[in-house]
PDB file of N, CA and C in Angstrom:
ATOM      1  N   MET A   1     -46.630   6.219 -24.761  1.00  0.00           N
ATOM      2  CA  MET A   1     -45.067   6.069 -25.315  1.00  0.00           C
ATOM      3  C   MET A   1     -44.288   6.855 -24.086  1.00  0.00           C
ATOM      4  N   ASP A   2     -44.652   7.972 -23.665  1.00  0.00           N
ATOM      5  CA  ASP A   2     -44.092   8.713 -22.555  1.00  0.00           C
ATOM      6  C   ASP A   2     -43.498   7.893 -21.602  1.00  0.00           C
ATOM      7  N   LEU A   3     -44.523   7.105 -21.024  1.00  0.00           N
ATOM      8  CA  LEU A   3     -44.160   6.291 -19.768  1.00  0.00           C
ATOM      9  C   LEU A   3     -43.320   5.242 -20.117  1.00  0.00           C
ATOM     10  N   VAL A   4     -43.234   4.631 -21.437  1.00  0.00           N
ATOM     11  CA  VAL A   4     -42.193   3.603 -21.627  1.00  0.00           C
ATOM     12  C   VAL A   4     -40.766   4.289 -21.705  1.00  0.00           C
ATOM     13  N   THR A   5     -40.745   5.420 -22.278  1.00  0.00           N
ATOM     14  CA  THR A   5     -39.429   6.355 -22.462  1.00  0.00           C
ATOM     15  C   THR A   5     -39.116   6.472 -20.930  1.00  0.00           C
ATOM     16  N   ALA A   6     -39.998   6.889 -20.197  1.00  0.00           N
ATOM     17  CA  ALA A   6     -39.476   7.397 -18.829  1.00  0.00           C
ATOM     18  C   ALA A   6     -38.973   6.065 -18.025  1.00  0.00           C
ATOM     19  N   PHE A   7     -39.701   5.113 -18.190  1.00  0.00           N
ATOM     20  CA  PHE A   7     -39.336   3.876 -17.364  1.00  0.00           C
ATOM     21  C   PHE A   7     -37.809   3.153 -18.022  1.00  0.00           C
ATOM     22  N   THR A   8     -37.626   3.309 -19.373  1.00  0.00           N
ATOM     23  CA  THR A   8     -36.395   2.918 -19.850  1.00  0.00           C
ATOM     24  C   THR A   8     -35.257   3.830 -19.509  1.00  0.00           C
ATOM     25  N   GLY A   9     -35.613   5.024 -19.316  1.00  0.00           N
ATOM     26  CA  GLY A   9     -34.548   6.187 -18.757  1.00  0.00           C
ATOM     27  C   GLY A   9     -34.136   5.906 -17.458  1.00  0.00           C
ATOM     28  N   MET A  10     -35.321   5.625 -16.583  1.00  0.00           N
ATOM     29  CA  MET A  10     -34.991   5.204 -15.349  1.00  0.00           C
ATOM     30  C   MET A  10     -34.022   4.112 -15.055  1.00  0.00           C
ATOM     31  N   GLN A  11     -34.340   2.959 -15.858  1.00  0.00           N
ATOM     32  CA  GLN A  11     -33.604   1.682 -15.742  1.00  0.00           C
ATOM     33  C   GLN A  11     -32.147   2.046 -16.173  1.00  0.00           C
ATOM     34  N   GLN A  12     -31.896   2.869 -17.404  1.00  0.00           N
ATOM     35  CA  GLN A  12     -30.557   3.019 -17.842  1.00  0.00           C
ATOM     36  C   GLN A  12     -29.773   3.930 -16.613  1.00  0.00           C
ATOM     37  N   ALA A  13     -30.394   4.544 -16.108  1.00  0.00           N
ATOM     38  CA  ALA A  13     -29.858   5.485 -14.970  1.00  0.00           C
ATOM     39  C   ALA A  13     -29.406   4.706 -13.857  1.00  0.00           C
ATOM     40  N   LYS A  14     -30.435   3.771 -13.451  1.00  0.00           N
ATOM     41  CA  LYS A  14     -30.097   2.838 -12.355  1.00  0.00           C
ATOM     42  C   LYS A  14     -28.939   1.943 -12.682  1.00  0.00           C
ATOM     43  N   LEU A  15     -28.737   1.380 -13.830  1.00  0.00           N
ATOM     44  CA  LEU A  15     -27.723   0.498 -14.446  1.00  0.00           C
ATOM     45  C   LEU A  15     -26.220   1.425 -14.457  1.00  0.00           C
ATOM     46  N   ALA A  16     -26.549   2.642 -14.890  1.00  0.00           N
ATOM     47  CA  ALA A  16     -25.273   3.612 -14.995  1.00  0.00           C
ATOM     48  C   ALA A  16     -24.598   3.723 -13.611  1.00  0.00           C
ATOM     49  N   THR A  17     -25.629   4.007 -12.722  1.00  0.00           N
ATOM     50  CA  THR A  17     -25.158   4.201 -11.243  1.00  0.00           C
ATOM     51  C   THR A  17     -24.582   2.955 -10.585  1.00  0.00           C
ATOM     52  N   GLN A  18     -25.189   1.751 -10.961  1.00  0.00           N
ATOM     53  CA  GLN A  18     -24.601   0.511 -10.371  1.00  0.00           C
ATOM     54  C   GLN A  18     -23.223   0.384 -10.738  1.00  0.00           C
ATOM     55  N   VAL A  19     -23.032   0.599 -12.347  1.00  0.00           N
ATOM     56  CA  VAL A  19     -21.613   0.480 -12.839  1.00  0.00           C
ATOM     57  C   VAL A  19     -20.531   1.422 -12.318  1.00  0.00           C
ATOM     58  N   GLN A  20     -21.140   2.774 -12.010  1.00  0.00           N
ATOM     59  CA  GLN A  20     -20.155   3.702 -11.411  1.00  0.00           C
ATOM     60  C   GLN A  20     -19.837   3.432 -10.071  1.00  0.00           C
ATOM     61  N   TYR A  21     -20.688   2.745  -9.323  1.00  0.00           N
ATOM     62  CA  TYR A  21     -20.449   2.191  -7.830  1.00  0.00           C
ATOM     63  C   TYR A  21     -19.312   0.969  -7.995  1.00  0.00           C
ATOM     64  N   ALA A  22     -19.670   0.112  -8.904  1.00  0.00           N
ATOM     65  CA  ALA A  22     -18.573  -0.997  -9.087  1.00  0.00           C
ATOM     66  C   ALA A  22     -17.195  -0.463  -9.508  1.00  0.00           C
ATOM     67  N   VAL A  23     -17.116   0.477 -10.268  1.00  0.00           N
ATOM     68  CA  VAL A  23     -15.938   0.971 -10.694  1.00  0.00           C
ATOM     69  C   VAL A  23     -15.196   1.688  -9.374  1.00  0.00           C
ATOM     70  N   ALA A  24     -15.962   2.461  -8.831  1.00  0.00           N
ATOM     71  CA  ALA A  24     -15.440   3.409  -7.542  1.00  0.00           C
ATOM     72  C   ALA A  24     -14.862   2.118  -6.764  1.00  0.00           C
ATOM     73  N   ALA A  25     -15.629   1.253  -6.229  1.00  0.00           N
ATOM     74  CA  ALA A  25     -15.308   0.189  -5.397  1.00  0.00           C
ATOM     75  C   ALA A  25     -13.876  -0.442  -6.043  1.00  0.00           C
ATOM     76  N   LYS A  26     -13.696  -0.728  -7.030  1.00  0.00           N
ATOM     77  CA  LYS A  26     -12.565  -1.462  -7.669  1.00  0.00           C
ATOM     78  C   LYS A  26     -11.489  -0.594  -7.553  1.00  0.00           C
ATOM     79  N   SER A  27     -11.785   0.942  -7.816  1.00  0.00           N
ATOM     80  CA  SER A  27     -10.685   1.824  -7.781  1.00  0.00           C
ATOM     81  C   SER A  27     -10.199   1.985  -6.401  1.00  0.00           C
ATOM     82  N   MET A  28     -11.105   1.977  -5.399  1.00  0.00           N
ATOM     83  CA  MET A  28     -10.812   2.121  -3.773  1.00  0.00           C
ATOM     84  C   MET A  28     -10.041   0.916  -3.344  1.00  0.00           C
ATOM     85  N   ASP A  29     -10.227  -0.439  -3.993  1.00  0.00           N
ATOM     86  CA  ASP A  29      -9.598  -1.740  -3.590  1.00  0.00           C
ATOM     87  C   ASP A  29      -8.064  -1.543  -4.177  1.00  0.00           C
ATOM     88  N   MET A  30      -7.888  -1.060  -5.490  1.00  0.00           N
ATOM     89  CA  MET A  30      -6.534  -0.749  -5.884  1.00  0.00           C
ATOM     90  C   MET A  30      -5.740   0.222  -4.990  1.00  0.00           C
ATOM     91  N   GLN A  31      -6.522   1.229  -4.652  1.00  0.00           N
ATOM     92  CA  GLN A  31      -5.603   2.207  -3.742  1.00  0.00           C
ATOM     93  C   GLN A  31      -5.295   1.675  -2.424  1.00  0.00           C
ATOM     94  N   ARG A  32      -6.255   0.905  -1.764  1.00  0.00           N
ATOM     95  CA  ARG A  32      -5.864   0.174  -0.589  1.00  0.00           C
ATOM     96  C   ARG A  32      -4.604  -0.689  -0.754  1.00  0.00           C
ATOM     97  N   MET A  33      -4.581  -1.506  -1.878  1.00  0.00           N
ATOM     98  CA  MET A  33      -3.534  -2.395  -2.132  1.00  0.00           C
ATOM     99  C   MET A  33      -2.112  -1.494  -2.382  1.00  0.00           C
ATOM    100  N   GLN A  34      -2.254  -0.606  -3.108  1.00  0.00           N
ATOM    101  CA  GLN A  34      -1.119   0.223  -3.375  1.00  0.00           C
ATOM    102  C   GLN A  34      -0.730   0.884  -2.068  1.00  0.00           C
ATOM    103  N   GLY A  35      -1.645   1.257  -1.225  1.00  0.00           N
ATOM    104  CA  GLY A  35      -1.303   1.979   0.058  1.00  0.00           C
ATOM    105  C   GLY A  35      -0.435   0.887   0.912  1.00  0.00           C
ATOM    106  N   ALA A  36      -1.142  -0.279   1.205  1.00  0.00           N
ATOM    107  CA  ALA A  36      -0.320  -1.372   1.836  1.00  0.00           C
ATOM    108  C   ALA A  36       0.976  -1.721   1.160  1.00  0.00           C
ATOM    109  N   ALA A  37       1.054  -1.587   0.050  1.00  0.00           N
ATOM    110  CA  ALA A  37       2.385  -1.975  -0.590  1.00  0.00           C
ATOM    111  C   ALA A  37       3.457  -0.954  -0.188  1.00  0.00           C
ATOM    112  N   ALA A  38       2.994   0.399  -0.332  1.00  0.00           N
ATOM    113  CA  ALA A  38       3.761   1.476   0.081  1.00  0.00           C
ATOM    114  C   ALA A  38       4.360   1.392   1.511  1.00  0.00           C
ATOM    115  N   ILE A  39       3.434   1.029   2.420  1.00  0.00           N
ATOM    116  CA  ILE A  39       3.724   1.040   3.721  1.00  0.00           C
ATOM    117  C   ILE A  39       4.651   0.069   3.915  1.00  0.00           C
ATOM    118  N   GLU A  40       4.721  -1.293   3.366  1.00  0.00           N
ATOM    119  CA  GLU A  40       5.391  -2.305   3.318  1.00  0.00           C
ATOM    120  C   GLU A  40       6.887  -2.018   2.821  1.00  0.00           C
ATOM    121  N   LEU A  41       6.784  -1.180   1.891  1.00  0.00           N
ATOM    122  CA  LEU A  41       8.127  -0.645   1.370  1.00  0.00           C
ATOM    123  C   LEU A  41       8.918   0.223   2.222  1.00  0.00           C
ATOM    124  N   LEU A  42       8.223   1.211   2.975  1.00  0.00           N
ATOM    125  CA  LEU A  42       8.720   2.101   3.971  1.00  0.00           C
ATOM    126  C   LEU A  42       9.077   1.263   5.026  1.00  0.00           C
ATOM    127  N   GLN A  43       8.561   0.419   5.363  1.00  0.00           N
ATOM    128  CA  GLN A  43       9.040  -0.463   6.641  1.00  0.00           C
ATOM    129  C   GLN A  43      10.311  -1.276   6.300  1.00  0.00           C
ATOM    130  N   SER A  44      10.314  -1.817   5.314  1.00  0.00           N
ATOM    131  CA  SER A  44      11.315  -2.633   5.004  1.00  0.00           C
ATOM    132  C   SER A  44      12.644  -1.792   4.589  1.00  0.00           C
ATOM    133  N   ALA A  45      12.274  -0.421   4.174  1.00  0.00           N
ATOM    134  CA  ALA A  45      13.523   0.474   3.932  1.00  0.00           C
ATOM    135  C   ALA A  45      14.035   0.966   5.150  1.00  0.00           C
ATOM    136  N   SER A  46      13.135   1.226   6.159  1.00  0.00           N
ATOM    137  CA  SER A  46      13.456   1.555   7.391  1.00  0.00           C
ATOM    138  C   SER A  46      14.313   0.631   8.358  1.00  0.00           C
ATOM    139  N   ALA A  47      13.832  -0.779   8.278  1.00  0.00           N
ATOM    140  CA  ALA A  47      14.646  -1.677   8.821  1.00  0.00           C
ATOM    141  C   ALA A  47      16.025  -2.032   8.133  1.00  0.00           C
ATOM    142  N   GLY A  48      16.163  -1.955   6.915  1.00  0.00           N
ATOM    143  CA  GLY A  48      17.459  -1.973   6.141  1.00  0.00           C
ATOM    144  C   GLY A  48      18.289  -0.842   6.644  1.00  0.00           C
ATOM    145  N   ALA A  49      17.763   0.470   6.922  1.00  0.00           N
ATOM    146  CA  ALA A  49      18.631   1.619   7.126  1.00  0.00           C
ATOM    147  C   ALA A  49      19.121   1.579   8.669  1.00  0.00           C
ATOM    148  N   SER A  50      18.298   1.081   9.489  1.00  0.00           N
ATOM    149  CA  SER A  50      18.721   0.786  10.816  1.00  0.00           C
ATOM    150  C   SER A  50      19.868  -0.299  10.960  1.00  0.00           C
ATOM    151  N   LYS A  51      19.696  -1.439  10.200  1.00  0.00           N
ATOM    152  CA  LYS A  51      20.894  -2.180  10.268  1.00  0.00           C
ATOM    153  C   LYS A  51      22.066  -1.790   9.626  1.00  0.00           C
ATOM    154  N   ALA A  52      21.883  -1.095   8.378  1.00  0.00           N
ATOM    155  CA  ALA A  52      23.280  -0.363   7.973  1.00  0.00           C
ATOM    156  C   ALA A  52      23.886   0.519   8.759  1.00  0.00           C
ATOM    157  N   GLY A  53      22.825   1.214   9.469  1.00  0.00           N
ATOM    158  CA  GLY A  53      23.502   2.107  10.521  1.00  0.00           C
ATOM    159  C   GLY A  53      24.183   1.527  11.582  1.00  0.00           C
ATOM    160  N   ASP A  54      23.502   0.370  12.085  1.00  0.00           N
ATOM    161  CA  ASP A  54      24.542  -0.330  13.248  1.00  0.00           C
ATOM    162  C   ASP A  54      25.889  -0.856  12.709  1.00  0.00           C
ATOM    163  N   ALA A  55      25.882  -1.281  11.495  1.00  0.00           N
ATOM    164  CA  ALA A  55      27.076  -1.829  10.960  1.00  0.00           C
ATOM    165  C   ALA A  55      28.127  -0.928  10.773  1.00  0.00           C
ATOM    166  N   MET A  56      27.481   0.423  10.292  1.00  0.00           N
ATOM    167  CA  MET A  56      28.594   1.653  10.220  1.00  0.00           C
ATOM    168  C   MET A  56      28.874   1.904  11.481  1.00  0.00           C
ATOM    169  N   VAL A  57      28.384   1.995  12.548  1.00  0.00           N
ATOM    170  CA  VAL A  57      28.805   2.392  14.107  1.00  0.00           C
ATOM    171  C   VAL A  57      29.756   1.204  14.273  1.00  0.00           C
ATOM    172  N   ALA A  58      29.646   0.121  14.191  1.00  0.00           N
ATOM    173  CA  ALA A  58      30.562  -1.005  14.447  1.00  0.00           C
ATOM    174  C   ALA A  58      31.700  -0.919  13.623  1.00  0.00           C
ATOM    175  N   ALA A  59      31.690  -0.452  12.561  1.00  0.00           N
ATOM    176  CA  ALA A  59      32.813  -0.459  11.836  1.00  0.00           C
ATOM    177  C   ALA A  59      33.706   0.915  12.206  1.00  0.00           C
ATOM    178  N   ALA A  60      33.153   1.860  12.573  1.00  0.00           N
ATOM    179  CA  ALA A  60      33.907   3.197  12.813  1.00  0.00           C
ATOM    180  C   ALA A  60      34.442   3.167  14.420  1.00  0.00           C
ATOM    181  N   THR A  61      33.695   2.404  14.993  1.00  0.00           N
ATOM    182  CA  THR A  61      34.245   2.340  16.618  1.00  0.00           C
ATOM    183  C   THR A  61      34.827   1.184  16.690  1.00  0.00           C
ATOM    184  N   GLY A  62      35.000   0.308  15.981  1.00  0.00           N
ATOM    185  CA  GLY A  62      35.661  -1.168  16.196  1.00  0.00           C
ATOM    186  C   GLY A  62      34.923  -2.037  17.174  1.00  0.00           C
ATOM    187  N   LEU A  63      33.922  -1.651  17.474  1.00  0.00           N
ATOM    188  CA  LEU A  63      33.360  -2.427  18.512  1.00  0.00           C
ATOM    189  C   LEU A  63      32.541  -3.677  17.853  1.00  0.00           C
ATOM    190  N   GLY A  64      32.571  -4.930  18.473  1.00  0.00           N
ATOM    191  CA  GLY A  64      32.143  -6.069  17.863  1.00  0.00           C
ATOM    192  C   GLY A  64      32.922  -6.708  16.721  1.00  0.00           C
ATOM    193  N   GLY A  65      34.310  -6.133  16.600  1.00  0.00           N
ATOM    194  CA  GLY A  65      35.033  -6.614  15.835  1.00  0.00           C
ATOM    195  C   GLY A  65      35.805  -7.847  16.058  1.00  0.00           C
ATOM    196  N   ALA A  66      35.984  -7.938  17.432  1.00  0.00           N
ATOM    197  CA  ALA A  66      36.944  -9.097  18.011  1.00  0.00           C
ATOM    198  C   ALA A  66      36.222  -9.537  19.331  1.00  0.00           C
ATOM    199  N   ILE A  67      36.508 -10.908  19.636  1.00  0.00           N
ATOM    200  CA  ILE A  67      35.879 -11.363  20.720  1.00  0.00           C
ATOM    201  C   ILE A  67      37.134 -11.770  21.620  1.00  0.00           C
ATOM    202  N   ASP A  68      36.920 -11.412  22.956  1.00  0.00           N
ATOM    203  CA  ASP A  68      37.776 -11.515  23.963  1.00  0.00           C
ATOM    204  C   ASP A  68      37.608 -12.740  24.608  1.00  0.00           C
ATOM    205  N   THR A  69      38.623 -13.671  24.320  1.00  0.00           N
ATOM    206  CA  THR A  69      38.282 -15.131  24.853  1.00  0.00           C
ATOM    207  C   THR A  69      39.230 -15.432  25.956  1.00  0.00           C
ATOM    208  N   TYR A  70      40.258 -14.292  26.555  1.00  0.00           N
ATOM    209  CA  TYR A  70      40.875 -14.486  27.732  1.00  0.00           C
ATOM    210  C   TYR A  70      40.147 -13.697  28.831  1.00  0.00           C
ATOM    211  N   GLY A  71      39.646 -14.506  29.785  1.00  0.00           N
ATOM    212  CA  GLY A  71      38.905 -14.248  30.842  1.00  0.00           C
ATOM    213  C   GLY A  71      39.582 -13.343  31.822  1.00  0.00           C
TER     214      GLY A  71
END
C-alpha cells in the first residue's frame, strides 16, 4: 500500500508542477504584452509631445505662418 501511495503522491506533485509552470508562462506572456503596450504608449506620447513643441515654437516665433510668394 505504501508503494501505491508514494506513486500517487509523485504523480500529484508532477501535475502540480506542470500546472505551476503553465500559470507562470501565462503570467510572463501577460507581462510581455503589458510591457509592449507601455512602450508603445510612451513612444506615441513622445511623438505627440515633439509635434506639439514644434507647433508652439512656430506660434511663438511666427515662423511658418506665412508664405512669401514674391520672389
